[in-house]
Structure formats: structure tokens, C-alpha cells
Amino acid sequence: FNLRGLPAERGGRFYQDTAAYGHFGRTDLILPWEETDKAEILKEAAGKSGAVSMA
């Protein structure tokens, strides 16, 4: 993800919005580092590498 453009995309309030009340798990903010769209790809890659399952 490109972090450089996020402050401008949010009208200059990027840091205020992410710092206020914490940012983990908030549904009112769209934060690219909290996206899980690559989860399946990473699971498959871990399985192919012989990584030990944590389940």
C-alpha cells in the first residue's frame, strides 16, 4: 500500500483520525494495512513452504 498519499486523500486529517481513540478494528476508517485481502494467498504460500500450522 502507498502510505504517502493517505494524508492528502483524507483532507489532511489522516494522522488526527488514526491517532484519535486508537485505530485498531475501527470500521469508520479505511486503513490499507488492516485489509485481509491477501490472507488466502499468504496461507497457501505458508503451506507450500512447510511452515508449521498454529491451529
PDB file of N, CA and C in Angstrom:
ATOM      1  N   PHE A   1       0.837  -1.180   0.000  1.00  0.00           N
ATOM      2  CA  PHE A   1       0.000   0.000   0.000  1.00  0.00           C
ATOM      3  C   PHE A   1       0.877   1.236   0.000  1.00  0.00           C
ATOM      4  N   ASN A   2       0.326   2.342  -0.424  1.00  0.00           N
ATOM      5  CA  ASN A   2       1.080   3.585  -0.520  1.00  0.00           C
ATOM      6  C   ASN A   2       0.650   4.522   0.603  1.00  0.00           C
ATOM      7  N   LEU A   3       1.486   4.659   1.586  1.00  0.00           N
ATOM      8  CA  LEU A   3       1.167   5.493   2.740  1.00  0.00           C
ATOM      9  C   LEU A   3       1.299   6.983   2.434  1.00  0.00           C
ATOM     10  N   ARG A   4       2.109   7.335   1.462  1.00  0.00           N
ATOM     11  CA  ARG A   4       2.346   8.757   1.165  1.00  0.00           C
ATOM     12  C   ARG A   4       1.082   9.515   0.783  1.00  0.00           C
ATOM     13  N   GLY A   5       0.192   8.887   0.046  1.00  0.00           N
ATOM     14  CA  GLY A   5      -0.996   9.583  -0.434  1.00  0.00           C
ATOM     15  C   GLY A   5      -2.140   9.647   0.563  1.00  0.00           C
ATOM     16  N   LEU A   6      -2.084   8.870   1.638  1.00  0.00           N
ATOM     17  CA  LEU A   6      -3.212   8.817   2.565  1.00  0.00           C
ATOM     18  C   LEU A   6      -3.527  10.144   3.246  1.00  0.00           C
ATOM     19  N   PRO A   7      -2.551  10.911   3.723  1.00  0.00           N
ATOM     20  CA  PRO A   7      -2.918  12.196   4.342  1.00  0.00           C
ATOM     21  C   PRO A   7      -3.689  13.110   3.390  1.00  0.00           C
ATOM     22  N   ALA A   8      -3.269  13.193   2.140  1.00  0.00           N
ATOM     23  CA  ALA A   8      -3.949  14.059   1.174  1.00  0.00           C
ATOM     24  C   ALA A   8      -5.348  13.529   0.849  1.00  0.00           C
ATOM     25  N   GLU A   9      -5.483  12.203   0.757  1.00  0.00           N
ATOM     26  CA  GLU A   9      -6.791  11.607   0.459  1.00  0.00           C
ATOM     27  C   GLU A   9      -7.803  11.880   1.567  1.00  0.00           C
ATOM     28  N   ARG A  10      -7.350  12.045   2.772  1.00  0.00           N
ATOM     29  CA  ARG A  10      -8.238  12.288   3.913  1.00  0.00           C
ATOM     30  C   ARG A  10      -8.354  13.765   4.252  1.00  0.00           C
ATOM     31  N   GLY A  11      -8.000  14.625   3.340  1.00  0.00           N
ATOM     32  CA  GLY A  11      -8.144  16.057   3.566  1.00  0.00           C
ATOM     33  C   GLY A  11      -7.218  16.597   4.644  1.00  0.00           C
ATOM     34  N   GLY A  12      -6.059  15.962   4.808  1.00  0.00           N
ATOM     35  CA  GLY A  12      -5.083  16.422   5.789  1.00  0.00           C
ATOM     36  C   GLY A  12      -5.349  15.945   7.207  1.00  0.00           C
ATOM     37  N   ARG A  13      -6.382  15.125   7.401  1.00  0.00           N
ATOM     38  CA  ARG A  13      -6.727  14.658   8.751  1.00  0.00           C
ATOM     39  C   ARG A  13      -6.281  13.222   9.019  1.00  0.00           C
ATOM     40  N   PHE A  14      -5.431  12.686   8.205  1.00  0.00           N
ATOM     41  CA  PHE A  14      -5.020  11.292   8.347  1.00  0.00           C
ATOM     42  C   PHE A  14      -4.463  10.993   9.734  1.00  0.00           C
ATOM     43  N   TYR A  15      -3.511  11.773  10.182  1.00  0.00           N
ATOM     44  CA  TYR A  15      -2.869  11.496  11.471  1.00  0.00           C
ATOM     45  C   TYR A  15      -3.818  11.735  12.641  1.00  0.00           C
ATOM     46  N   GLN A  16      -4.643  12.761  12.554  1.00  0.00           N
ATOM     47  CA  GLN A  16      -5.610  13.015  13.624  1.00  0.00           C
ATOM     48  C   GLN A  16      -6.634  11.877  13.709  1.00  0.00           C
ATOM     49  N   ASP A  17      -7.119  11.437  12.565  1.00  0.00           N
ATOM     50  CA  ASP A  17      -8.137  10.388  12.547  1.00  0.00           C
ATOM     51  C   ASP A  17      -7.598   9.048  13.043  1.00  0.00           C
ATOM     52  N   THR A  18      -6.366   8.723  12.680  1.00  0.00           N
ATOM     53  CA  THR A  18      -5.823   7.434  13.106  1.00  0.00           C
ATOM     54  C   THR A  18      -5.340   7.462  14.547  1.00  0.00           C
ATOM     55  N   ALA A  19      -4.978   8.620  15.054  1.00  0.00           N
ATOM     56  CA  ALA A  19      -4.494   8.715  16.432  1.00  0.00           C
ATOM     57  C   ALA A  19      -5.633   8.811  17.445  1.00  0.00           C
ATOM     58  N   ALA A  20      -6.739   9.415  17.061  1.00  0.00           N
ATOM     59  CA  ALA A  20      -7.856   9.611  17.990  1.00  0.00           C
ATOM     60  C   ALA A  20      -8.538   8.282  18.306  1.00  0.00           C
ATOM     61  N   TYR A  21      -8.636   7.943  19.560  1.00  0.00           N
ATOM     62  CA  TYR A  21      -9.317   6.738  20.048  1.00  0.00           C
ATOM     63  C   TYR A  21      -8.678   5.441  19.560  1.00  0.00           C
ATOM     64  N   GLY A  22      -7.462   5.496  19.084  1.00  0.00           N
ATOM     65  CA  GLY A  22      -6.828   4.303  18.526  1.00  0.00           C
ATOM     66  C   GLY A  22      -7.383   4.002  17.147  1.00  0.00           C
ATOM     67  N   HIS A  23      -6.739   3.113  16.437  1.00  0.00           N
ATOM     68  CA  HIS A  23      -7.217   2.816  15.087  1.00  0.00           C
ATOM     69  C   HIS A  23      -7.446   1.336  14.837  1.00  0.00           C
ATOM     70  N   PHE A  24      -7.078   0.461  15.739  1.00  0.00           N
ATOM     71  CA  PHE A  24      -7.246  -0.972  15.512  1.00  0.00           C
ATOM     72  C   PHE A  24      -8.717  -1.368  15.546  1.00  0.00           C
ATOM     73  N   GLY A  25      -9.157  -2.022  14.482  1.00  0.00           N
ATOM     74  CA  GLY A  25     -10.511  -2.546  14.427  1.00  0.00           C
ATOM     75  C   GLY A  25     -11.611  -1.530  14.183  1.00  0.00           C
ATOM     76  N   ARG A  26     -11.273  -0.294  13.947  1.00  0.00           N
ATOM     77  CA  ARG A  26     -12.313   0.707  13.708  1.00  0.00           C
ATOM     78  C   ARG A  26     -12.887   0.519  12.314  1.00  0.00           C
ATOM     79  N   THR A  27     -14.198   0.533  12.236  1.00  0.00           N
ATOM     80  CA  THR A  27     -14.854   0.354  10.939  1.00  0.00           C
ATOM     81  C   THR A  27     -15.118   1.676  10.233  1.00  0.00           C
ATOM     82  N   ASP A  28     -14.940   2.799  10.933  1.00  0.00           N
ATOM     83  CA  ASP A  28     -15.172   4.096  10.297  1.00  0.00           C
ATOM     84  C   ASP A  28     -13.955   4.590   9.527  1.00  0.00           C
ATOM     85  N   LEU A  29     -12.823   3.921   9.674  1.00  0.00           N
ATOM     86  CA  LEU A  29     -11.617   4.278   8.932  1.00  0.00           C
ATOM     87  C   LEU A  29     -11.288   3.148   7.967  1.00  0.00           C
ATOM     88  N   ILE A  30     -10.882   3.506   6.773  1.00  0.00           N
ATOM     89  CA  ILE A  30     -10.439   2.502   5.812  1.00  0.00           C
ATOM     90  C   ILE A  30      -8.923   2.586   5.771  1.00  0.00           C
ATOM     91  N   LEU A  31      -8.274   1.623   6.439  1.00  0.00           N
ATOM     92  CA  LEU A  31      -6.822   1.638   6.568  1.00  0.00           C
ATOM     93  C   LEU A  31      -6.234   0.460   5.796  1.00  0.00           C
ATOM     94  N   PRO A  32      -5.392   0.743   4.807  1.00  0.00           N
ATOM     95  CA  PRO A  32      -4.905  -0.326   3.938  1.00  0.00           C
ATOM     96  C   PRO A  32      -4.115  -1.401   4.668  1.00  0.00           C
ATOM     97  N   TRP A  33      -3.475  -1.071   5.779  1.00  0.00           N
ATOM     98  CA  TRP A  33      -2.692  -2.081   6.483  1.00  0.00           C
ATOM     99  C   TRP A  33      -3.562  -3.030   7.297  1.00  0.00           C
ATOM    100  N   GLU A  34      -4.849  -2.773   7.394  1.00  0.00           N
ATOM    101  CA  GLU A  34      -5.759  -3.683   8.080  1.00  0.00           C
ATOM    102  C   GLU A  34      -6.575  -4.533   7.104  1.00  0.00           C
ATOM    103  N   GLU A  35      -6.328  -4.397   5.822  1.00  0.00           N
ATOM    104  CA  GLU A  35      -7.024  -5.201   4.823  1.00  0.00           C
ATOM    105  C   GLU A  35      -6.569  -6.657   4.929  1.00  0.00           C
ATOM    106  N   THR A  36      -7.479  -7.574   4.724  1.00  0.00           N
ATOM    107  CA  THR A  36      -7.153  -9.002   4.779  1.00  0.00           C
ATOM    108  C   THR A  36      -7.314  -9.664   3.415  1.00  0.00           C
ATOM    109  N   ASP A  37      -7.240  -8.872   2.360  1.00  0.00           N
ATOM    110  CA  ASP A  37      -7.460  -9.404   1.014  1.00  0.00           C
ATOM    111  C   ASP A  37      -6.360 -10.362   0.558  1.00  0.00           C
ATOM    112  N   LYS A  38      -5.224 -10.378   1.221  1.00  0.00           N
ATOM    113  CA  LYS A  38      -4.117 -11.266   0.845  1.00  0.00           C
ATOM    114  C   LYS A  38      -4.019 -12.480   1.769  1.00  0.00           C
ATOM    115  N   ALA A  39      -4.967 -12.663   2.667  1.00  0.00           N
ATOM    116  CA  ALA A  39      -4.895 -13.739   3.661  1.00  0.00           C
ATOM    117  C   ALA A  39      -4.808 -15.119   3.014  1.00  0.00           C
ATOM    118  N   GLU A  40      -5.644 -15.397   2.036  1.00  0.00           N
ATOM    119  CA  GLU A  40      -5.635 -16.722   1.401  1.00  0.00           C
ATOM    120  C   GLU A  40      -4.326 -16.976   0.661  1.00  0.00           C
ATOM    121  N   ILE A  41      -3.823 -15.971  -0.023  1.00  0.00           N
ATOM    122  CA  ILE A  41      -2.555 -16.111  -0.745  1.00  0.00           C
ATOM    123  C   ILE A  41      -1.430 -16.422   0.235  1.00  0.00           C
ATOM    124  N   LEU A  42      -1.415 -15.733   1.366  1.00  0.00           N
ATOM    125  CA  LEU A  42      -0.378 -15.961   2.368  1.00  0.00           C
ATOM    126  C   LEU A  42      -0.506 -17.337   3.017  1.00  0.00           C
ATOM    127  N   LYS A  43      -1.735 -17.791   3.250  1.00  0.00           N
ATOM    128  CA  LYS A  43      -1.943 -19.130   3.811  1.00  0.00           C
ATOM    129  C   LYS A  43      -1.407 -20.195   2.865  1.00  0.00           C
ATOM    130  N   GLU A  44      -1.709 -20.041   1.589  1.00  0.00           N
ATOM    131  CA  GLU A  44      -1.234 -21.003   0.600  1.00  0.00           C
ATOM    132  C   GLU A  44       0.283 -20.997   0.520  1.00  0.00           C
ATOM    133  N   ALA A  45       0.883 -19.821   0.533  1.00  0.00           N
ATOM    134  CA  ALA A  45       2.339 -19.718   0.468  1.00  0.00           C
ATOM    135  C   ALA A  45       2.982 -20.347   1.702  1.00  0.00           C
ATOM    136  N   ALA A  46       2.377 -20.162   2.857  1.00  0.00           N
ATOM    137  CA  ALA A  46       2.917 -20.749   4.084  1.00  0.00           C
ATOM    138  C   ALA A  46       2.833 -22.271   4.031  1.00  0.00           C
ATOM    139  N   GLY A  47       1.756 -22.789   3.460  1.00  0.00           N
ATOM    140  CA  GLY A  47       1.607 -24.234   3.341  1.00  0.00           C
ATOM    141  C   GLY A  47       2.637 -24.842   2.412  1.00  0.00           C
ATOM    142  N   LYS A  48       2.968 -24.154   1.352  1.00  0.00           N
ATOM    143  CA  LYS A  48       3.951 -24.637   0.382  1.00  0.00           C
ATOM    144  C   LYS A  48       5.367 -24.572   0.933  1.00  0.00           C
ATOM    145  N   SER A  49       5.603 -23.678   1.895  1.00  0.00           N
ATOM    146  CA  SER A  49       6.956 -23.511   2.423  1.00  0.00           C
ATOM    147  C   SER A  49       7.272 -24.506   3.528  1.00  0.00           C
ATOM    148  N   GLY A  50       6.268 -25.282   3.957  1.00  0.00           N
ATOM    149  CA  GLY A  50       6.487 -26.234   5.036  1.00  0.00           C
ATOM    150  C   GLY A  50       6.387 -25.605   6.407  1.00  0.00           C
ATOM    151  N   ALA A  51       5.783 -24.436   6.492  1.00  0.00           N
ATOM    152  CA  ALA A  51       5.628 -23.752   7.777  1.00  0.00           C
ATOM    153  C   ALA A  51       4.711 -24.567   8.685  1.00  0.00           C
ATOM    154  N   VAL A  52       4.950 -24.470   9.967  1.00  0.00           N
ATOM    155  CA  VAL A  52       4.156 -25.198  10.955  1.00  0.00           C
ATOM    156  C   VAL A  52       2.851 -24.464  11.203  1.00  0.00           C
ATOM    157  N   SER A  53       1.750 -25.198  11.226  1.00  0.00           N
ATOM    158  CA  SER A  53       0.438 -24.603  11.469  1.00  0.00           C
ATOM    159  C   SER A  53       0.293 -24.218  12.928  1.00  0.00           C
ATOM    160  N   MET A  54      -0.339 -23.057  13.170  1.00  0.00           N
ATOM    161  CA  MET A  54      -0.572 -22.578  14.527  1.00  0.00           C
ATOM    162  C   MET A  54      -1.939 -23.018  15.037  1.00  0.00           C
ATOM    163  N   ALA A  55      -2.704 -23.726  14.217  1.00  0.00           N
ATOM    164  CA  ALA A  55      -4.074 -24.115  14.589  1.00  0.00           C
ATOM    165  C   ALA A  55      -4.101 -25.283  15.537  1.00  0.00           C
TER     166      ALA A  55
END
